[in-house]
Amino acid sequence: MKSQELSRFEIRKLLRFTGKIEGWLSPQEGVFLYKLASRLPAESNIVEIGSWKGKSSVWLGSALKEKERSKVYAVDPHIGSPEKEREYGKTDTFAEFQKNIKAVGLSKKVMAVKKTSGEAAPDFQKEIDLLFIDASHAYEAVEEDFVLWFPKLKKGGWVVFHDATVLPGPWRVASRNILFSSQFRRTGMLGSMVFGQYVPTDNYLSGIANLFLNVRTYLFTMSYVTMRKVPFPVSWRRKVSRVYFRNKIKLN
């Protein structure tokens, strides 16, 4: 079976499995994370801040199955963020997280770091190829996650914020640090996510070009989010969503 066919088979299998895991990652967002992680170098480190019950961890870890020296470090105290505590009360998601990771054979690929972001960051000494931020969505918490972990990001690494197009905390941090920065390229949004590739440059013209394209992404995202509130027919929405999704997973 060809590699592309294997990838499609794996994605279909993951869609069925992750559909049963409680979480707020959409199928399209999961596929995007899988595609992005699968394009990382052979020896890569992914850090996700906020794992809940493992939906995103499964997508990311599954993309690294053929990369023997690559790992996902899932940072989460598993007691829920403040907003989840208000909704669910006191909770402990660790057992269910472990169960889901084990069910897809990822116990040696996804490393659970049962700590808060602030507790885990000082001890983490590896360079990061992909940073996925999806913990507490309060502005101060998202800002702290970015400040703590961004210095560990490798040149050419990616940052992805979840819920950035639907909640003010992640949006404020993502727009300020990615979409109004000259140090990122290939910026974009998909579903609720905002992402970009870190490419620091001392070249003035390259920096200006990056900033111009990133501001364009910002304006597009603002327009898209505004238009999303207009009651267009469902068939139109689905068609636009499919076309945009196919374009973004190419990561051009």
C-alpha atoms as a PDB file:
ATOM      1  CA  MET A   1       0.000   0.000   0.000  1.00  0.00           C
ATOM      2  CA  LYS A   2       1.354   3.428  -0.961  1.00  0.00           C
ATOM      3  CA  SER A   3       2.344   5.969   1.708  1.00  0.00           C
ATOM      4  CA  GLN A   4      -0.503   8.337   0.769  1.00  0.00           C
ATOM      5  CA  GLU A   5      -3.040   5.512   0.997  1.00  0.00           C
ATOM      6  CA  LEU A   6      -1.622   4.479   4.372  1.00  0.00           C
ATOM      7  CA  SER A   7      -1.970   8.065   5.577  1.00  0.00           C
ATOM      8  CA  ARG A   8      -5.611   8.218   4.492  1.00  0.00           C
ATOM      9  CA  PHE A   9      -6.328   4.884   6.174  1.00  0.00           C
ATOM     10  CA  GLU A  10      -4.685   6.087   9.388  1.00  0.00           C
ATOM     11  CA  ILE A  11      -6.659   9.351   9.324  1.00  0.00           C
ATOM     12  CA  ARG A  12      -9.975   7.529   8.861  1.00  0.00           C
ATOM     13  CA  LYS A  13      -9.100   5.253  11.784  1.00  0.00           C
ATOM     14  CA  LEU A  14      -8.135   8.227  13.951  1.00  0.00           C
ATOM     15  CA  LEU A  15     -11.325  10.082  13.085  1.00  0.00           C
ATOM     16  CA  ARG A  16     -13.356   7.145  14.383  1.00  0.00           C
ATOM     17  CA  PHE A  17     -11.278   6.783  17.549  1.00  0.00           C
ATOM     18  CA  THR A  18     -10.911  10.456  18.480  1.00  0.00           C
ATOM     19  CA  GLY A  19     -14.619  10.982  17.848  1.00  0.00           C
ATOM     20  CA  LYS A  20     -15.191   8.971  21.021  1.00  0.00           C
ATOM     21  CA  ILE A  21     -12.798  11.080  23.144  1.00  0.00           C
ATOM     22  CA  GLU A  22     -14.325  14.022  24.959  1.00  0.00           C
ATOM     23  CA  GLY A  23     -12.722  17.265  23.862  1.00  0.00           C
ATOM     24  CA  TRP A  24     -13.128  20.421  21.827  1.00  0.00           C
ATOM     25  CA  LEU A  25     -10.804  19.710  18.897  1.00  0.00           C
ATOM     26  CA  SER A  26     -12.743  19.462  15.644  1.00  0.00           C
ATOM     27  CA  PRO A  27     -12.006  16.674  13.109  1.00  0.00           C
ATOM     28  CA  GLN A  28     -10.508  19.205  10.685  1.00  0.00           C
ATOM     29  CA  GLU A  29      -8.280  20.622  13.413  1.00  0.00           C
ATOM     30  CA  GLY A  30      -7.163  17.106  14.333  1.00  0.00           C
ATOM     31  CA  VAL A  31      -6.267  16.292  10.742  1.00  0.00           C
ATOM     32  CA  PHE A  32      -4.388  19.577  10.457  1.00  0.00           C
ATOM     33  CA  LEU A  33      -2.300  18.795  13.554  1.00  0.00           C
ATOM     34  CA  TYR A  34      -1.624  15.308  12.202  1.00  0.00           C
ATOM     35  CA  LYS A  35      -0.480  16.666   8.826  1.00  0.00           C
ATOM     36  CA  LEU A  36       1.669  19.344  10.452  1.00  0.00           C
ATOM     37  CA  ALA A  37       3.316  16.898  12.861  1.00  0.00           C
ATOM     38  CA  SER A  38       3.937  14.345  10.109  1.00  0.00           C
ATOM     39  CA  ARG A  39       5.980  16.963   8.204  1.00  0.00           C
ATOM     40  CA  LEU A  40       8.347  17.615  11.106  1.00  0.00           C
ATOM     41  CA  PRO A  41      11.980  16.386  10.973  1.00  0.00           C
ATOM     42  CA  ALA A  42      12.763  12.752  11.778  1.00  0.00           C
ATOM     43  CA  GLU A  43      13.880  13.653  15.304  1.00  0.00           C
ATOM     44  CA  SER A  44      11.331  16.107  16.696  1.00  0.00           C
ATOM     45  CA  ASN A  45       9.824  17.230  19.979  1.00  0.00           C
ATOM     46  CA  ILE A  46       6.222  18.323  20.255  1.00  0.00           C
ATOM     47  CA  VAL A  47       4.957  20.037  23.389  1.00  0.00           C
ATOM     48  CA  GLU A  48       1.251  20.455  23.961  1.00  0.00           C
ATOM     49  CA  ILE A  49       0.097  22.594  26.841  1.00  0.00           C
ATOM     50  CA  GLY A  50      -3.285  21.232  27.890  1.00  0.00           C
ATOM     51  CA  SER A  51      -4.257  17.661  27.024  1.00  0.00           C
ATOM     52  CA  TRP A  52      -7.586  17.050  28.799  1.00  0.00           C
ATOM     53  CA  LYS A  53      -8.410  13.430  27.861  1.00  0.00           C
ATOM     54  CA  GLY A  54      -5.957  13.065  25.007  1.00  0.00           C
ATOM     55  CA  LYS A  55      -7.822  13.927  21.804  1.00  0.00           C
ATOM     56  CA  SER A  56      -5.080  16.207  20.450  1.00  0.00           C
ATOM     57  CA  SER A  57      -2.368  13.988  21.972  1.00  0.00           C
ATOM     58  CA  VAL A  58      -3.609  11.039  19.906  1.00  0.00           C
ATOM     59  CA  TRP A  59      -3.557  13.050  16.676  1.00  0.00           C
ATOM     60  CA  LEU A  60      -0.060  14.399  17.336  1.00  0.00           C
ATOM     61  CA  GLY A  61       1.412  11.145  18.632  1.00  0.00           C
ATOM     62  CA  SER A  62      -0.007   9.095  15.762  1.00  0.00           C
ATOM     63  CA  ALA A  63       1.754  11.378  13.272  1.00  0.00           C
ATOM     64  CA  LEU A  64       5.101  10.485  14.889  1.00  0.00           C
ATOM     65  CA  LYS A  65       4.736   6.696  14.819  1.00  0.00           C
ATOM     66  CA  GLU A  66       7.320   6.317  12.063  1.00  0.00           C
ATOM     67  CA  LYS A  67       9.703   8.835  13.651  1.00  0.00           C
ATOM     68  CA  GLU A  68      11.485   6.661  16.217  1.00  0.00           C
ATOM     69  CA  ARG A  69      13.239   9.474  18.086  1.00  0.00           C
ATOM     70  CA  SER A  70      10.309  11.856  18.149  1.00  0.00           C
ATOM     71  CA  LYS A  71       8.067  12.437  21.154  1.00  0.00           C
ATOM     72  CA  VAL A  72       4.993  14.341  22.250  1.00  0.00           C
ATOM     73  CA  TYR A  73       5.265  15.866  25.729  1.00  0.00           C
ATOM     74  CA  ALA A  74       1.719  16.322  26.996  1.00  0.00           C
ATOM     75  CA  VAL A  75       1.814  18.906  29.792  1.00  0.00           C
ATOM     76  CA  ASP A  76      -1.297  18.904  31.954  1.00  0.00           C
ATOM     77  CA  PRO A  77      -1.925  18.584  35.715  1.00  0.00           C
ATOM     78  CA  HIS A  78      -5.181  16.798  34.810  1.00  0.00           C
ATOM     79  CA  ILE A  79      -7.265  18.704  37.310  1.00  0.00           C
ATOM     80  CA  GLY A  80      -8.902  20.916  34.693  1.00  0.00           C
ATOM     81  CA  SER A  81      -8.404  24.608  33.989  1.00  0.00           C
ATOM     82  CA  PRO A  82     -10.356  27.211  36.023  1.00  0.00           C
ATOM     83  CA  GLU A  83     -13.044  27.488  33.343  1.00  0.00           C
ATOM     84  CA  LYS A  84     -13.408  23.683  33.213  1.00  0.00           C
ATOM     85  CA  GLU A  85     -13.642  23.521  37.003  1.00  0.00           C
ATOM     86  CA  ARG A  86     -16.557  25.932  36.895  1.00  0.00           C
ATOM     87  CA  GLU A  87     -18.286  23.672  34.358  1.00  0.00           C
ATOM     88  CA  TYR A  88     -17.312  20.221  35.659  1.00  0.00           C
ATOM     89  CA  GLY A  89     -16.345  20.847  39.274  1.00  0.00           C
ATOM     90  CA  LYS A  90     -13.334  19.038  40.711  1.00  0.00           C
ATOM     91  CA  THR A  91     -11.998  16.569  38.179  1.00  0.00           C
ATOM     92  CA  ASP A  92      -9.142  14.181  37.487  1.00  0.00           C
ATOM     93  CA  THR A  93      -8.697  13.266  33.827  1.00  0.00           C
ATOM     94  CA  PHE A  94      -5.365  11.447  34.089  1.00  0.00           C
ATOM     95  CA  ALA A  95      -6.691   7.870  34.156  1.00  0.00           C
ATOM     96  CA  GLU A  96      -8.865   8.447  31.087  1.00  0.00           C
ATOM     97  CA  PHE A  97      -5.999  10.220  29.316  1.00  0.00           C
ATOM     98  CA  GLN A  98      -3.711   7.223  29.915  1.00  0.00           C
ATOM     99  CA  LYS A  99      -6.427   4.820  28.782  1.00  0.00           C
ATOM    100  CA  ASN A 100      -6.902   6.644  25.482  1.00  0.00           C
ATOM    101  CA  ILE A 101      -3.170   6.894  24.807  1.00  0.00           C
ATOM    102  CA  LYS A 102      -2.662   3.196  25.547  1.00  0.00           C
ATOM    103  CA  ALA A 103      -5.619   2.172  23.364  1.00  0.00           C
ATOM    104  CA  VAL A 104      -3.847   3.437  20.231  1.00  0.00           C
ATOM    105  CA  GLY A 105      -0.419   2.110  21.198  1.00  0.00           C
ATOM    106  CA  LEU A 106       1.144   5.493  21.946  1.00  0.00           C
ATOM    107  CA  SER A 107       2.366   4.916  25.506  1.00  0.00           C
ATOM    108  CA  LYS A 108       6.004   5.163  24.395  1.00  0.00           C
ATOM    109  CA  LYS A 109       5.374   8.038  22.016  1.00  0.00           C
ATOM    110  CA  VAL A 110       3.262  10.397  24.145  1.00  0.00           C
ATOM    111  CA  MET A 111       4.977  11.341  27.394  1.00  0.00           C
ATOM    112  CA  ALA A 112       2.565  12.550  30.063  1.00  0.00           C
ATOM    113  CA  VAL A 113       3.963  15.460  32.069  1.00  0.00           C
ATOM    114  CA  LYS A 114       1.540  15.685  35.006  1.00  0.00           C
ATOM    115  CA  LYS A 115       2.402  19.238  35.965  1.00  0.00           C
ATOM    116  CA  THR A 116       1.193  22.736  35.302  1.00  0.00           C
ATOM    117  CA  SER A 117       2.849  24.642  32.481  1.00  0.00           C
ATOM    118  CA  GLY A 118       4.720  26.776  35.009  1.00  0.00           C
ATOM    119  CA  GLU A 119       5.988  23.728  36.890  1.00  0.00           C
ATOM    120  CA  ALA A 120       7.093  21.842  33.775  1.00  0.00           C
ATOM    121  CA  ALA A 121       8.826  24.599  31.794  1.00  0.00           C
ATOM    122  CA  PRO A 122      11.980  25.095  33.953  1.00  0.00           C
ATOM    123  CA  ASP A 123      12.866  21.390  33.780  1.00  0.00           C
ATOM    124  CA  PHE A 124      12.287  20.993  30.044  1.00  0.00           C
ATOM    125  CA  GLN A 125      15.641  21.331  28.272  1.00  0.00           C
ATOM    126  CA  LYS A 126      14.836  20.069  24.758  1.00  0.00           C
ATOM    127  CA  GLU A 127      14.306  22.196  21.663  1.00  0.00           C
ATOM    128  CA  ILE A 128      10.704  22.220  20.464  1.00  0.00           C
ATOM    129  CA  ASP A 129       9.600  21.668  16.862  1.00  0.00           C
ATOM    130  CA  LEU A 130       5.882  22.183  17.475  1.00  0.00           C
ATOM    131  CA  LEU A 131       4.242  24.016  20.373  1.00  0.00           C
ATOM    132  CA  PHE A 132       0.479  23.527  20.734  1.00  0.00           C
ATOM    133  CA  ILE A 133      -1.148  25.790  23.338  1.00  0.00           C
ATOM    134  CA  ASP A 134      -4.587  24.723  24.550  1.00  0.00           C
ATOM    135  CA  ALA A 135      -4.766  25.008  28.349  1.00  0.00           C
ATOM    136  CA  SER A 136      -6.547  27.722  30.324  1.00  0.00           C
ATOM    137  CA  HIS A 137      -7.926  30.326  27.925  1.00  0.00           C
ATOM    138  CA  ALA A 138      -7.671  33.290  30.266  1.00  0.00           C
ATOM    139  CA  TYR A 139      -5.420  35.912  28.706  1.00  0.00           C
ATOM    140  CA  GLU A 140      -2.871  35.890  31.542  1.00  0.00           C
ATOM    141  CA  ALA A 141      -2.605  32.080  31.424  1.00  0.00           C
ATOM    142  CA  VAL A 142      -2.176  31.929  27.631  1.00  0.00           C
ATOM    143  CA  GLU A 143       0.405  34.711  27.759  1.00  0.00           C
ATOM    144  CA  GLU A 144       2.330  32.863  30.474  1.00  0.00           C
ATOM    145  CA  ASP A 145       2.297  29.621  28.455  1.00  0.00           C
ATOM    146  CA  PHE A 146       3.693  31.420  25.424  1.00  0.00           C
ATOM    147  CA  VAL A 147       6.356  33.329  27.395  1.00  0.00           C
ATOM    148  CA  LEU A 148       7.513  30.183  29.199  1.00  0.00           C
ATOM    149  CA  TRP A 149       7.749  27.865  26.194  1.00  0.00           C
ATOM    150  CA  PHE A 150       8.439  30.060  23.162  1.00  0.00           C
ATOM    151  CA  PRO A 151      12.171  30.508  24.021  1.00  0.00           C
ATOM    152  CA  LYS A 152      12.549  26.741  23.643  1.00  0.00           C
ATOM    153  CA  LEU A 153      11.148  26.765  20.094  1.00  0.00           C
ATOM    154  CA  LYS A 154      13.586  25.707  17.394  1.00  0.00           C
ATOM    155  CA  LYS A 155      14.137  27.935  14.379  1.00  0.00           C
ATOM    156  CA  GLY A 156      11.676  26.639  11.811  1.00  0.00           C
ATOM    157  CA  GLY A 157       9.385  25.335  14.565  1.00  0.00           C
ATOM    158  CA  TRP A 158       5.649  25.921  14.679  1.00  0.00           C
ATOM    159  CA  VAL A 159       3.310  27.502  17.227  1.00  0.00           C
ATOM    160  CA  VAL A 160      -0.407  26.663  17.199  1.00  0.00           C
ATOM    161  CA  PHE A 161      -2.991  28.328  19.439  1.00  0.00           C
ATOM    162  CA  HIS A 162      -6.317  26.543  19.876  1.00  0.00           C
ATOM    163  CA  ASP A 163      -9.567  28.512  20.318  1.00  0.00           C
ATOM    164  CA  ALA A 164      -7.817  31.679  19.148  1.00  0.00           C
ATOM    165  CA  THR A 165     -10.592  32.693  16.737  1.00  0.00           C
ATOM    166  CA  VAL A 166     -13.370  32.156  19.261  1.00  0.00           C
ATOM    167  CA  LEU A 167     -11.999  33.308  22.631  1.00  0.00           C
ATOM    168  CA  PRO A 168     -10.389  36.677  23.459  1.00  0.00           C
ATOM    169  CA  GLY A 169      -7.476  35.361  25.567  1.00  0.00           C
ATOM    170  CA  PRO A 170      -5.852  33.090  22.962  1.00  0.00           C
ATOM    171  CA  TRP A 171      -6.700  35.555  20.160  1.00  0.00           C
ATOM    172  CA  ARG A 172      -4.988  38.449  21.902  1.00  0.00           C
ATOM    173  CA  VAL A 173      -1.801  36.447  22.519  1.00  0.00           C
ATOM    174  CA  ALA A 174      -1.739  34.845  19.065  1.00  0.00           C
ATOM    175  CA  SER A 175      -2.412  38.042  17.127  1.00  0.00           C
ATOM    176  CA  ARG A 176       0.128  40.076  19.083  1.00  0.00           C
ATOM    177  CA  ASN A 177       2.933  37.510  19.047  1.00  0.00           C
ATOM    178  CA  ILE A 178       2.416  35.862  15.658  1.00  0.00           C
ATOM    179  CA  LEU A 179       0.253  37.957  13.342  1.00  0.00           C
ATOM    180  CA  PHE A 180       1.922  41.253  14.248  1.00  0.00           C
ATOM    181  CA  SER A 181       5.422  39.777  14.242  1.00  0.00           C
ATOM    182  CA  SER A 182       8.064  39.814  11.520  1.00  0.00           C
ATOM    183  CA  GLN A 183       9.609  36.626  12.951  1.00  0.00           C
ATOM    184  CA  PHE A 184       6.886  34.262  11.701  1.00  0.00           C
ATOM    185  CA  ARG A 185       5.844  33.113   8.258  1.00  0.00           C
ATOM    186  CA  ARG A 186       3.244  30.671   6.864  1.00  0.00           C
ATOM    187  CA  THR A 187       0.764  32.101   9.331  1.00  0.00           C
ATOM    188  CA  GLY A 188      -2.872  31.174   9.068  1.00  0.00           C
ATOM    189  CA  MET A 189      -6.057  30.070  10.756  1.00  0.00           C
ATOM    190  CA  LEU A 190      -8.074  26.899  10.532  1.00  0.00           C
ATOM    191  CA  GLY A 191     -11.215  26.323  12.545  1.00  0.00           C
ATOM    192  CA  SER A 192     -10.463  27.957  15.880  1.00  0.00           C
ATOM    193  CA  MET A 193      -6.692  27.686  15.514  1.00  0.00           C
ATOM    194  CA  VAL A 194      -4.115  30.347  14.642  1.00  0.00           C
ATOM    195  CA  PHE A 195      -0.641  29.158  13.695  1.00  0.00           C
ATOM    196  CA  GLY A 196       2.720  30.229  12.319  1.00  0.00           C
ATOM    197  CA  GLN A 197       6.271  29.045  11.656  1.00  0.00           C
ATOM    198  CA  TYR A 198       9.074  30.725  13.582  1.00  0.00           C
ATOM    199  CA  VAL A 199      11.750  32.025  11.191  1.00  0.00           C
ATOM    200  CA  PRO A 200      13.776  34.741  12.947  1.00  0.00           C
ATOM    201  CA  THR A 201      15.606  36.954  10.487  1.00  0.00           C
ATOM    202  CA  ASP A 202      17.977  39.904  10.669  1.00  0.00           C
ATOM    203  CA  ASN A 203      17.196  40.820   7.082  1.00  0.00           C
ATOM    204  CA  TYR A 204      15.121  44.001   7.090  1.00  0.00           C
ATOM    205  CA  LEU A 205      13.342  43.297   3.807  1.00  0.00           C
ATOM    206  CA  SER A 206      12.490  39.716   4.781  1.00  0.00           C
ATOM    207  CA  GLY A 207      11.110  40.947   8.080  1.00  0.00           C
ATOM    208  CA  ILE A 208       8.942  43.537   6.352  1.00  0.00           C
ATOM    209  CA  ALA A 209       7.667  40.915   3.890  1.00  0.00           C
ATOM    210  CA  ASN A 210       6.802  38.533   6.732  1.00  0.00           C
ATOM    211  CA  LEU A 211       5.003  41.282   8.654  1.00  0.00           C
ATOM    212  CA  PHE A 212       2.997  42.307   5.585  1.00  0.00           C
ATOM    213  CA  LEU A 213       1.828  38.729   4.968  1.00  0.00           C
ATOM    214  CA  ASN A 214       1.045  38.204   8.642  1.00  0.00           C
ATOM    215  CA  VAL A 215      -1.052  41.362   8.857  1.00  0.00           C
ATOM    216  CA  ARG A 216      -2.886  40.139   5.764  1.00  0.00           C
ATOM    217  CA  THR A 217      -3.602  36.899   7.648  1.00  0.00           C
ATOM    218  CA  TYR A 218      -4.851  38.965  10.579  1.00  0.00           C
ATOM    219  CA  LEU A 219      -7.248  40.935   8.368  1.00  0.00           C
ATOM    220  CA  PHE A 220      -8.458  37.764   6.635  1.00  0.00           C
ATOM    221  CA  THR A 221      -9.043  36.043   9.987  1.00  0.00           C
ATOM    222  CA  MET A 222     -10.995  39.009  11.326  1.00  0.00           C
ATOM    223  CA  SER A 223     -13.116  39.058   8.161  1.00  0.00           C
ATOM    224  CA  TYR A 224     -13.654  35.282   8.220  1.00  0.00           C
ATOM    225  CA  VAL A 225     -14.718  35.302  11.868  1.00  0.00           C
ATOM    226  CA  THR A 226     -17.122  38.180  11.194  1.00  0.00           C
ATOM    227  CA  MET A 227     -18.609  36.471   8.127  1.00  0.00           C
ATOM    228  CA  ARG A 228     -18.965  33.247  10.098  1.00  0.00           C
ATOM    229  CA  LYS A 229     -21.721  34.975  12.077  1.00  0.00           C
ATOM    230  CA  VAL A 230     -23.755  35.677   8.932  1.00  0.00           C
ATOM    231  CA  PRO A 231     -26.515  33.032   8.424  1.00  0.00           C
ATOM    232  CA  PHE A 232     -25.349  31.737   5.043  1.00  0.00           C
ATOM    233  CA  PRO A 233     -26.856  28.431   3.844  1.00  0.00           C
ATOM    234  CA  VAL A 234     -25.161  25.425   5.454  1.00  0.00           C
ATOM    235  CA  SER A 235     -24.163  24.036   2.033  1.00  0.00           C
ATOM    236  CA  TRP A 236     -22.229  27.250   1.274  1.00  0.00           C
ATOM    237  CA  ARG A 237     -20.445  27.116   4.612  1.00  0.00           C
ATOM    238  CA  ARG A 238     -19.414  23.495   4.094  1.00  0.00           C
ATOM    239  CA  LYS A 239     -18.110  24.157   0.581  1.00  0.00           C
ATOM    240  CA  VAL A 240     -16.007  27.144   1.693  1.00  0.00           C
ATOM    241  CA  SER A 241     -14.755  25.188   4.702  1.00  0.00           C
ATOM    242  CA  ARG A 242     -13.674  22.219   2.553  1.00  0.00           C
ATOM    243  CA  VAL A 243     -11.843  24.404   0.017  1.00  0.00           C
ATOM    244  CA  TYR A 244     -10.057  26.398   2.727  1.00  0.00           C
ATOM    245  CA  PHE A 245      -9.142  23.246   4.655  1.00  0.00           C
ATOM    246  CA  ARG A 246      -7.621  21.554   1.593  1.00  0.00           C
ATOM    247  CA  ASN A 247      -5.557  24.657   0.943  1.00  0.00           C
ATOM    248  CA  LYS A 248      -4.266  24.971   4.510  1.00  0.00           C
ATOM    249  CA  ILE A 249      -3.164  21.360   5.016  1.00  0.00           C
ATOM    250  CA  LYS A 250      -0.724  21.866   2.153  1.00  0.00           C
ATOM    251  CA  LEU A 251       1.124  24.292   4.491  1.00  0.00           C
ATOM    252  CA  ASN A 252       2.470  26.282   1.579  1.00  0.00           C
END
